[in-house]
N, C-alpha and C. Protein backbone atom coordinates (compact mmCIF):
# COMPACT_ATOMS: atom_id res chain seq x y z
N MET A 1 64.34 5.44 -107.74
CA MET A 1 62.93 5.14 -107.86
C MET A 1 62.33 5.90 -109.03
N VAL A 2 62.81 7.14 -109.26
CA VAL A 2 62.29 7.95 -110.35
C VAL A 2 62.56 7.28 -111.69
N TRP A 3 63.76 6.70 -111.85
CA TRP A 3 64.07 6.06 -113.13
C TRP A 3 63.18 4.86 -113.39
N LYS A 4 62.72 4.20 -112.33
CA LYS A 4 61.80 3.07 -112.50
C LYS A 4 60.45 3.57 -113.02
N ILE A 5 59.99 4.69 -112.49
CA ILE A 5 58.72 5.26 -112.93
C ILE A 5 58.83 5.72 -114.37
N VAL A 6 59.93 6.41 -114.68
CA VAL A 6 60.14 6.90 -116.05
C VAL A 6 60.22 5.71 -117.01
N GLY A 7 60.92 4.67 -116.61
CA GLY A 7 61.02 3.47 -117.44
C GLY A 7 59.67 2.82 -117.66
N ALA A 8 58.86 2.77 -116.60
CA ALA A 8 57.53 2.18 -116.72
C ALA A 8 56.65 2.99 -117.65
N VAL A 9 56.70 4.31 -117.51
CA VAL A 9 55.90 5.17 -118.39
C VAL A 9 56.37 5.01 -119.83
N ALA A 10 57.67 4.97 -120.04
CA ALA A 10 58.20 4.81 -121.39
C ALA A 10 57.75 3.48 -121.99
N ALA A 11 57.75 2.43 -121.19
CA ALA A 11 57.32 1.12 -121.68
C ALA A 11 55.85 1.15 -122.09
N VAL A 12 55.03 1.79 -121.29
CA VAL A 12 53.60 1.89 -121.61
C VAL A 12 53.39 2.70 -122.89
N VAL A 13 54.15 3.79 -123.04
CA VAL A 13 54.04 4.61 -124.25
C VAL A 13 54.44 3.80 -125.48
N VAL A 14 55.52 3.04 -125.37
CA VAL A 14 55.97 2.22 -126.50
C VAL A 14 54.90 1.19 -126.86
N VAL A 15 54.34 0.54 -125.84
CA VAL A 15 53.27 -0.44 -126.09
C VAL A 15 52.08 0.23 -126.77
N ALA A 16 51.71 1.40 -126.29
CA ALA A 16 50.57 2.12 -126.89
C ALA A 16 50.86 2.48 -128.35
N ILE A 17 52.07 2.94 -128.63
CA ILE A 17 52.44 3.30 -130.00
C ILE A 17 52.40 2.07 -130.91
N VAL A 18 52.93 0.96 -130.42
CA VAL A 18 52.91 -0.27 -131.20
C VAL A 18 51.47 -0.71 -131.47
N ILE A 19 50.64 -0.63 -130.46
CA ILE A 19 49.23 -1.02 -130.63
C ILE A 19 48.56 -0.13 -131.66
N VAL A 20 48.79 1.17 -131.57
CA VAL A 20 48.19 2.10 -132.53
C VAL A 20 48.71 1.81 -133.94
N ALA A 21 50.00 1.55 -134.08
CA ALA A 21 50.57 1.27 -135.40
C ALA A 21 49.99 -0.02 -135.99
N ILE A 22 49.83 -1.02 -135.16
CA ILE A 22 49.31 -2.30 -135.63
C ILE A 22 47.84 -2.20 -135.99
N THR A 23 47.08 -1.42 -135.23
CA THR A 23 45.63 -1.37 -135.43
C THR A 23 45.20 -0.14 -136.21
N GLY A 24 46.09 0.50 -136.92
CA GLY A 24 45.81 1.75 -137.62
C GLY A 24 44.48 1.81 -138.34
N GLY A 25 44.14 0.87 -139.20
CA GLY A 25 42.93 0.94 -139.97
C GLY A 25 41.89 -0.08 -139.54
N ASP A 26 41.97 -0.55 -138.32
CA ASP A 26 41.09 -1.62 -137.89
C ASP A 26 39.70 -1.11 -137.50
N SER A 27 38.85 -2.03 -137.24
CA SER A 27 37.47 -1.73 -136.89
C SER A 27 37.38 -1.10 -135.50
N LYS A 28 36.20 -0.59 -135.20
CA LYS A 28 35.95 0.02 -133.91
C LYS A 28 36.18 -1.00 -132.78
N SER A 29 35.80 -2.24 -133.02
CA SER A 29 36.00 -3.29 -132.04
C SER A 29 37.48 -3.55 -131.80
N ASP A 30 38.27 -3.55 -132.88
CA ASP A 30 39.71 -3.76 -132.76
C ASP A 30 40.37 -2.59 -132.02
N GLU A 31 39.91 -1.38 -132.29
CA GLU A 31 40.44 -0.21 -131.60
C GLU A 31 40.11 -0.28 -130.11
N ALA A 32 38.90 -0.70 -129.79
CA ALA A 32 38.50 -0.84 -128.38
C ALA A 32 39.35 -1.89 -127.69
N LEU A 33 39.61 -3.00 -128.39
CA LEU A 33 40.45 -4.05 -127.82
C LEU A 33 41.87 -3.53 -127.58
N ALA A 34 42.37 -2.72 -128.50
CA ALA A 34 43.70 -2.14 -128.32
C ALA A 34 43.74 -1.26 -127.07
N LYS A 35 42.68 -0.49 -126.84
CA LYS A 35 42.62 0.34 -125.63
C LYS A 35 42.59 -0.53 -124.38
N VAL A 36 41.78 -1.58 -124.42
CA VAL A 36 41.69 -2.50 -123.28
C VAL A 36 43.06 -3.13 -123.01
N CYS A 37 43.72 -3.56 -124.08
CA CYS A 37 45.02 -4.22 -123.91
C CYS A 37 46.10 -3.25 -123.43
N GLY A 38 46.05 -2.01 -123.88
CA GLY A 38 47.00 -1.00 -123.39
C GLY A 38 46.79 -0.73 -121.91
N ALA A 39 45.53 -0.60 -121.51
CA ALA A 39 45.22 -0.37 -120.09
C ALA A 39 45.59 -1.60 -119.27
N ARG A 40 45.36 -2.77 -119.82
CA ARG A 40 45.71 -4.02 -119.16
C ARG A 40 47.22 -4.09 -118.91
N ALA A 41 48.00 -3.68 -119.89
CA ALA A 41 49.47 -3.68 -119.74
C ALA A 41 49.90 -2.70 -118.66
N ASP A 42 49.25 -1.53 -118.61
CA ASP A 42 49.60 -0.56 -117.58
C ASP A 42 49.22 -1.06 -116.19
N ILE A 43 48.08 -1.73 -116.08
CA ILE A 43 47.69 -2.30 -114.78
C ILE A 43 48.76 -3.27 -114.32
N SER A 44 49.24 -4.11 -115.21
CA SER A 44 50.29 -5.06 -114.86
C SER A 44 51.53 -4.34 -114.35
N GLN A 45 51.92 -3.26 -115.04
CA GLN A 45 53.09 -2.48 -114.63
C GLN A 45 52.87 -1.83 -113.27
N GLN A 46 51.68 -1.30 -113.04
CA GLN A 46 51.39 -0.67 -111.74
C GLN A 46 51.43 -1.70 -110.62
N LEU A 47 50.99 -2.91 -110.87
CA LEU A 47 51.07 -3.95 -109.86
C LEU A 47 52.51 -4.30 -109.54
N LYS A 48 53.37 -4.32 -110.54
CA LYS A 48 54.79 -4.56 -110.30
C LYS A 48 55.38 -3.44 -109.45
N THR A 49 54.97 -2.20 -109.73
CA THR A 49 55.42 -1.05 -108.92
C THR A 49 54.99 -1.22 -107.47
N LEU A 50 53.74 -1.59 -107.27
CA LEU A 50 53.23 -1.78 -105.91
C LEU A 50 53.99 -2.87 -105.16
N GLN A 51 54.33 -3.92 -105.87
CA GLN A 51 55.03 -5.03 -105.23
C GLN A 51 56.47 -4.67 -104.87
N GLY A 52 57.03 -3.64 -105.49
CA GLY A 52 58.42 -3.27 -105.24
C GLY A 52 58.59 -2.06 -104.33
N LEU A 53 57.56 -1.65 -103.65
CA LEU A 53 57.64 -0.45 -102.81
C LEU A 53 58.55 -0.64 -101.61
N THR A 54 59.13 0.47 -101.19
CA THR A 54 59.95 0.50 -99.99
C THR A 54 59.23 1.33 -98.92
N PRO A 55 59.58 1.17 -97.64
CA PRO A 55 58.87 1.89 -96.58
C PRO A 55 58.80 3.40 -96.78
N GLY A 56 59.84 4.00 -97.30
CA GLY A 56 59.85 5.45 -97.47
C GLY A 56 58.88 5.96 -98.52
N SER A 57 58.55 5.14 -99.49
CA SER A 57 57.70 5.60 -100.59
C SER A 57 56.36 4.88 -100.64
N ALA A 58 56.15 3.96 -99.74
CA ALA A 58 55.01 3.05 -99.85
C ALA A 58 53.67 3.75 -99.95
N ARG A 59 53.37 4.62 -99.03
CA ARG A 59 52.03 5.19 -98.99
C ARG A 59 51.72 6.05 -100.20
N GLU A 60 52.59 7.00 -100.51
CA GLU A 60 52.31 7.92 -101.62
C GLU A 60 52.36 7.19 -102.96
N GLN A 61 53.37 6.35 -103.16
CA GLN A 61 53.47 5.63 -104.43
C GLN A 61 52.30 4.67 -104.60
N ALA A 62 51.86 4.06 -103.51
CA ALA A 62 50.71 3.16 -103.59
C ALA A 62 49.47 3.92 -104.04
N LYS A 63 49.26 5.09 -103.49
CA LYS A 63 48.11 5.89 -103.90
C LYS A 63 48.22 6.26 -105.38
N GLN A 64 49.42 6.63 -105.84
CA GLN A 64 49.61 7.00 -107.25
C GLN A 64 49.35 5.80 -108.16
N SER A 65 49.86 4.65 -107.77
CA SER A 65 49.66 3.45 -108.60
C SER A 65 48.19 3.04 -108.62
N LEU A 66 47.53 3.13 -107.47
CA LEU A 66 46.11 2.79 -107.44
C LEU A 66 45.29 3.79 -108.26
N GLN A 67 45.70 5.06 -108.27
CA GLN A 67 45.01 6.04 -109.12
C GLN A 67 45.21 5.72 -110.59
N ALA A 68 46.42 5.32 -110.95
CA ALA A 68 46.69 4.94 -112.34
C ALA A 68 45.86 3.72 -112.73
N ILE A 69 45.72 2.77 -111.81
CA ILE A 69 44.89 1.59 -112.07
C ILE A 69 43.44 2.01 -112.25
N ALA A 70 42.96 2.93 -111.41
CA ALA A 70 41.59 3.43 -111.55
C ALA A 70 41.39 4.08 -112.91
N ASP A 71 42.38 4.86 -113.36
CA ASP A 71 42.30 5.49 -114.70
C ASP A 71 42.26 4.41 -115.79
N ASP A 72 43.06 3.37 -115.64
CA ASP A 72 43.07 2.28 -116.61
C ASP A 72 41.71 1.57 -116.64
N LEU A 73 41.12 1.39 -115.46
CA LEU A 73 39.81 0.75 -115.40
C LEU A 73 38.74 1.61 -116.08
N ARG A 74 38.86 2.93 -115.96
CA ARG A 74 37.94 3.83 -116.68
C ARG A 74 38.13 3.70 -118.19
N THR A 75 39.38 3.62 -118.62
CA THR A 75 39.66 3.43 -120.05
C THR A 75 39.02 2.14 -120.55
N ILE A 76 39.18 1.08 -119.78
CA ILE A 76 38.59 -0.20 -120.15
C ILE A 76 37.07 -0.10 -120.18
N GLY A 77 36.51 0.56 -119.18
CA GLY A 77 35.06 0.74 -119.14
C GLY A 77 34.53 1.51 -120.33
N ASP A 78 35.25 2.55 -120.73
CA ASP A 78 34.84 3.35 -121.89
C ASP A 78 34.93 2.55 -123.18
N ALA A 79 35.94 1.70 -123.30
CA ALA A 79 36.15 0.93 -124.52
C ALA A 79 35.24 -0.29 -124.60
N ARG A 80 34.77 -0.76 -123.47
CA ARG A 80 34.02 -2.02 -123.41
C ARG A 80 32.79 -2.03 -124.33
N ALA A 81 32.10 -0.92 -124.45
CA ALA A 81 30.88 -0.87 -125.27
C ALA A 81 31.16 -1.15 -126.74
N ASP A 82 32.37 -0.86 -127.20
CA ASP A 82 32.71 -1.05 -128.61
C ASP A 82 33.31 -2.42 -128.92
N LEU A 83 33.46 -3.24 -127.91
CA LEU A 83 34.01 -4.58 -128.12
C LEU A 83 32.96 -5.51 -128.73
N SER A 84 33.43 -6.58 -129.34
CA SER A 84 32.50 -7.60 -129.83
C SER A 84 31.76 -8.20 -128.63
N ASP A 85 30.64 -8.84 -128.87
CA ASP A 85 29.84 -9.39 -127.77
C ASP A 85 30.64 -10.35 -126.89
N ALA A 86 31.40 -11.24 -127.53
CA ALA A 86 32.19 -12.21 -126.77
C ALA A 86 33.25 -11.51 -125.92
N ARG A 87 33.94 -10.55 -126.52
CA ARG A 87 34.98 -9.81 -125.78
C ARG A 87 34.37 -8.97 -124.67
N ARG A 88 33.21 -8.37 -124.96
CA ARG A 88 32.56 -7.51 -123.96
C ARG A 88 32.25 -8.32 -122.70
N GLY A 89 31.73 -9.52 -122.87
CA GLY A 89 31.43 -10.37 -121.71
C GLY A 89 32.68 -10.77 -120.95
N GLU A 90 33.73 -11.11 -121.68
CA GLU A 90 35.00 -11.50 -121.06
C GLU A 90 35.59 -10.34 -120.25
N VAL A 91 35.58 -9.15 -120.84
CA VAL A 91 36.13 -7.97 -120.17
C VAL A 91 35.26 -7.57 -118.98
N GLN A 92 33.94 -7.66 -119.13
CA GLN A 92 33.04 -7.31 -118.03
C GLN A 92 33.26 -8.22 -116.83
N SER A 93 33.39 -9.49 -117.09
CA SER A 93 33.63 -10.45 -116.01
C SER A 93 34.96 -10.17 -115.31
N ALA A 94 36.01 -9.94 -116.10
CA ALA A 94 37.32 -9.62 -115.52
C ALA A 94 37.23 -8.33 -114.72
N ASN A 95 36.53 -7.34 -115.27
CA ASN A 95 36.42 -6.05 -114.61
C ASN A 95 35.71 -6.17 -113.26
N ASP A 96 34.59 -6.87 -113.21
CA ASP A 96 33.82 -6.99 -111.97
C ASP A 96 34.67 -7.59 -110.85
N THR A 97 35.38 -8.65 -111.16
CA THR A 97 36.21 -9.31 -110.15
C THR A 97 37.40 -8.45 -109.75
N PHE A 98 38.06 -7.85 -110.73
CA PHE A 98 39.25 -7.06 -110.43
C PHE A 98 38.89 -5.79 -109.66
N VAL A 99 37.81 -5.13 -110.01
CA VAL A 99 37.40 -3.90 -109.32
C VAL A 99 37.13 -4.19 -107.84
N ALA A 100 36.49 -5.29 -107.55
CA ALA A 100 36.25 -5.65 -106.15
C ALA A 100 37.57 -5.81 -105.40
N SER A 101 38.54 -6.41 -106.04
CA SER A 101 39.86 -6.60 -105.43
C SER A 101 40.58 -5.25 -105.24
N VAL A 102 40.45 -4.36 -106.21
CA VAL A 102 41.08 -3.04 -106.10
C VAL A 102 40.47 -2.26 -104.93
N LYS A 103 39.16 -2.34 -104.78
CA LYS A 103 38.50 -1.64 -103.66
C LYS A 103 39.01 -2.15 -102.32
N ASP A 104 39.18 -3.46 -102.20
CA ASP A 104 39.74 -4.02 -100.97
C ASP A 104 41.15 -3.49 -100.73
N ALA A 105 41.96 -3.49 -101.78
CA ALA A 105 43.35 -3.03 -101.66
C ALA A 105 43.41 -1.55 -101.33
N ALA A 106 42.58 -0.76 -101.97
CA ALA A 106 42.57 0.68 -101.71
C ALA A 106 42.19 0.96 -100.27
N GLY A 107 41.25 0.22 -99.75
CA GLY A 107 40.86 0.39 -98.36
C GLY A 107 41.99 0.09 -97.41
N SER A 108 42.75 -0.95 -97.68
CA SER A 108 43.85 -1.30 -96.79
C SER A 108 44.98 -0.28 -96.88
N VAL A 109 45.17 0.33 -98.04
CA VAL A 109 46.24 1.32 -98.20
C VAL A 109 45.86 2.62 -97.49
N THR A 110 44.64 3.06 -97.60
CA THR A 110 44.25 4.33 -96.99
C THR A 110 44.05 4.20 -95.49
N ASP A 111 43.92 2.98 -94.96
CA ASP A 111 43.74 2.79 -93.53
C ASP A 111 45.04 2.49 -92.80
N LEU A 112 46.17 2.65 -93.47
CA LEU A 112 47.45 2.33 -92.84
C LEU A 112 47.72 3.23 -91.65
N ALA A 113 48.17 2.63 -90.55
CA ALA A 113 48.41 3.38 -89.33
C ALA A 113 49.80 4.00 -89.28
N SER A 114 50.80 3.33 -89.80
CA SER A 114 52.15 3.87 -89.73
C SER A 114 52.92 3.50 -90.97
N LEU A 115 53.94 4.29 -91.26
CA LEU A 115 54.78 4.02 -92.42
C LEU A 115 55.60 2.75 -92.25
N GLN A 116 55.87 2.36 -90.99
CA GLN A 116 56.65 1.15 -90.79
C GLN A 116 55.90 -0.10 -91.22
N THR A 117 54.59 -0.09 -91.10
CA THR A 117 53.82 -1.25 -91.54
C THR A 117 53.31 -1.07 -92.97
N ALA A 118 53.45 0.14 -93.51
CA ALA A 118 52.89 0.44 -94.83
C ALA A 118 53.44 -0.47 -95.92
N ALA A 119 54.73 -0.63 -95.98
CA ALA A 119 55.33 -1.41 -97.07
C ALA A 119 54.82 -2.84 -97.07
N GLY A 120 54.80 -3.47 -95.91
CA GLY A 120 54.31 -4.85 -95.83
C GLY A 120 52.85 -4.97 -96.20
N ASP A 121 52.03 -4.02 -95.73
CA ASP A 121 50.60 -4.05 -96.04
C ASP A 121 50.35 -3.81 -97.52
N VAL A 122 51.09 -2.87 -98.09
CA VAL A 122 50.91 -2.56 -99.51
C VAL A 122 51.37 -3.74 -100.36
N LYS A 123 52.49 -4.33 -99.99
CA LYS A 123 52.97 -5.48 -100.75
C LYS A 123 51.99 -6.65 -100.69
N ALA A 124 51.39 -6.86 -99.52
CA ALA A 124 50.39 -7.93 -99.39
C ALA A 124 49.17 -7.63 -100.26
N ALA A 125 48.73 -6.38 -100.24
CA ALA A 125 47.59 -5.98 -101.08
C ALA A 125 47.95 -6.11 -102.56
N ALA A 126 49.18 -5.72 -102.91
CA ALA A 126 49.62 -5.82 -104.30
C ALA A 126 49.69 -7.27 -104.75
N GLN A 127 50.13 -8.14 -103.88
CA GLN A 127 50.20 -9.57 -104.21
C GLN A 127 48.80 -10.11 -104.49
N LYS A 128 47.84 -9.71 -103.64
CA LYS A 128 46.46 -10.15 -103.85
C LYS A 128 45.93 -9.61 -105.18
N LEU A 129 46.21 -8.34 -105.46
CA LEU A 129 45.78 -7.76 -106.73
C LEU A 129 46.42 -8.48 -107.92
N ALA A 130 47.69 -8.80 -107.78
CA ALA A 130 48.40 -9.50 -108.87
C ALA A 130 47.77 -10.87 -109.13
N GLN A 131 47.38 -11.55 -108.07
CA GLN A 131 46.72 -12.85 -108.24
C GLN A 131 45.36 -12.68 -108.92
N THR A 132 44.61 -11.65 -108.50
CA THR A 132 43.31 -11.39 -109.12
C THR A 132 43.50 -10.99 -110.58
N TYR A 133 44.52 -10.18 -110.85
CA TYR A 133 44.81 -9.76 -112.23
C TYR A 133 45.09 -10.99 -113.10
N ALA A 134 45.92 -11.89 -112.60
CA ALA A 134 46.27 -13.09 -113.37
C ALA A 134 45.04 -13.93 -113.68
N ALA A 135 44.09 -13.96 -112.74
CA ALA A 135 42.89 -14.76 -112.92
C ALA A 135 41.82 -14.04 -113.75
N THR A 136 41.99 -12.74 -113.97
CA THR A 136 40.95 -11.98 -114.70
C THR A 136 41.53 -11.39 -115.97
N TYR A 137 42.08 -10.19 -115.88
CA TYR A 137 42.61 -9.51 -117.06
C TYR A 137 43.78 -10.28 -117.69
N GLY A 138 44.52 -11.01 -116.89
CA GLY A 138 45.64 -11.77 -117.41
C GLY A 138 45.22 -12.86 -118.39
N LYS A 139 43.97 -13.26 -118.33
CA LYS A 139 43.45 -14.31 -119.23
C LYS A 139 42.93 -13.74 -120.55
N ILE A 140 42.83 -12.43 -120.65
CA ILE A 140 42.36 -11.83 -121.89
C ILE A 140 43.49 -11.88 -122.91
N ASP A 141 43.22 -12.48 -124.05
CA ASP A 141 44.23 -12.66 -125.08
C ASP A 141 44.34 -11.40 -125.93
N CYS A 142 45.40 -10.66 -125.75
CA CYS A 142 45.63 -9.44 -126.51
C CYS A 142 46.45 -9.70 -127.77
N ASN A 143 46.84 -10.92 -127.99
CA ASN A 143 47.60 -11.26 -129.20
C ASN A 143 46.70 -11.50 -130.40
N GLU A 144 45.44 -11.73 -130.13
CA GLU A 144 44.51 -12.00 -131.22
C GLU A 144 43.68 -10.75 -131.46
N ALA A 145 43.68 -10.27 -132.67
CA ALA A 145 42.95 -9.04 -132.97
C ALA A 145 41.88 -9.29 -133.99
């Protein structure tokens, strides 16, 4: 499980480095979009982690992944002000819907009664989050700068 986390972190770092290299001299709006896209990529990775949890690690790993998602949402929130008007609206809309879904998922994870049901509950919450992600942040085009 540790190698999966290390691999995920390494992938996010590589994506961040590539984004920084590509956007080196870009405008403030482009830099903000790069931050949004980096956080978006990490959210996607955290959702994959949540969907792959096992009963022994479900509760603690779920909390860690949800905390990482919360950090990513803060990054997006901080960058949102520097986005172009069109991008700002798109990101705000995605953020509002996704944050509501995260709050629902976080509530179900912290209310778990036993570790035996934890994995199934977390996976169900992660599936719902993944669907919300696909309908919100997943629609943001990070290929266009």
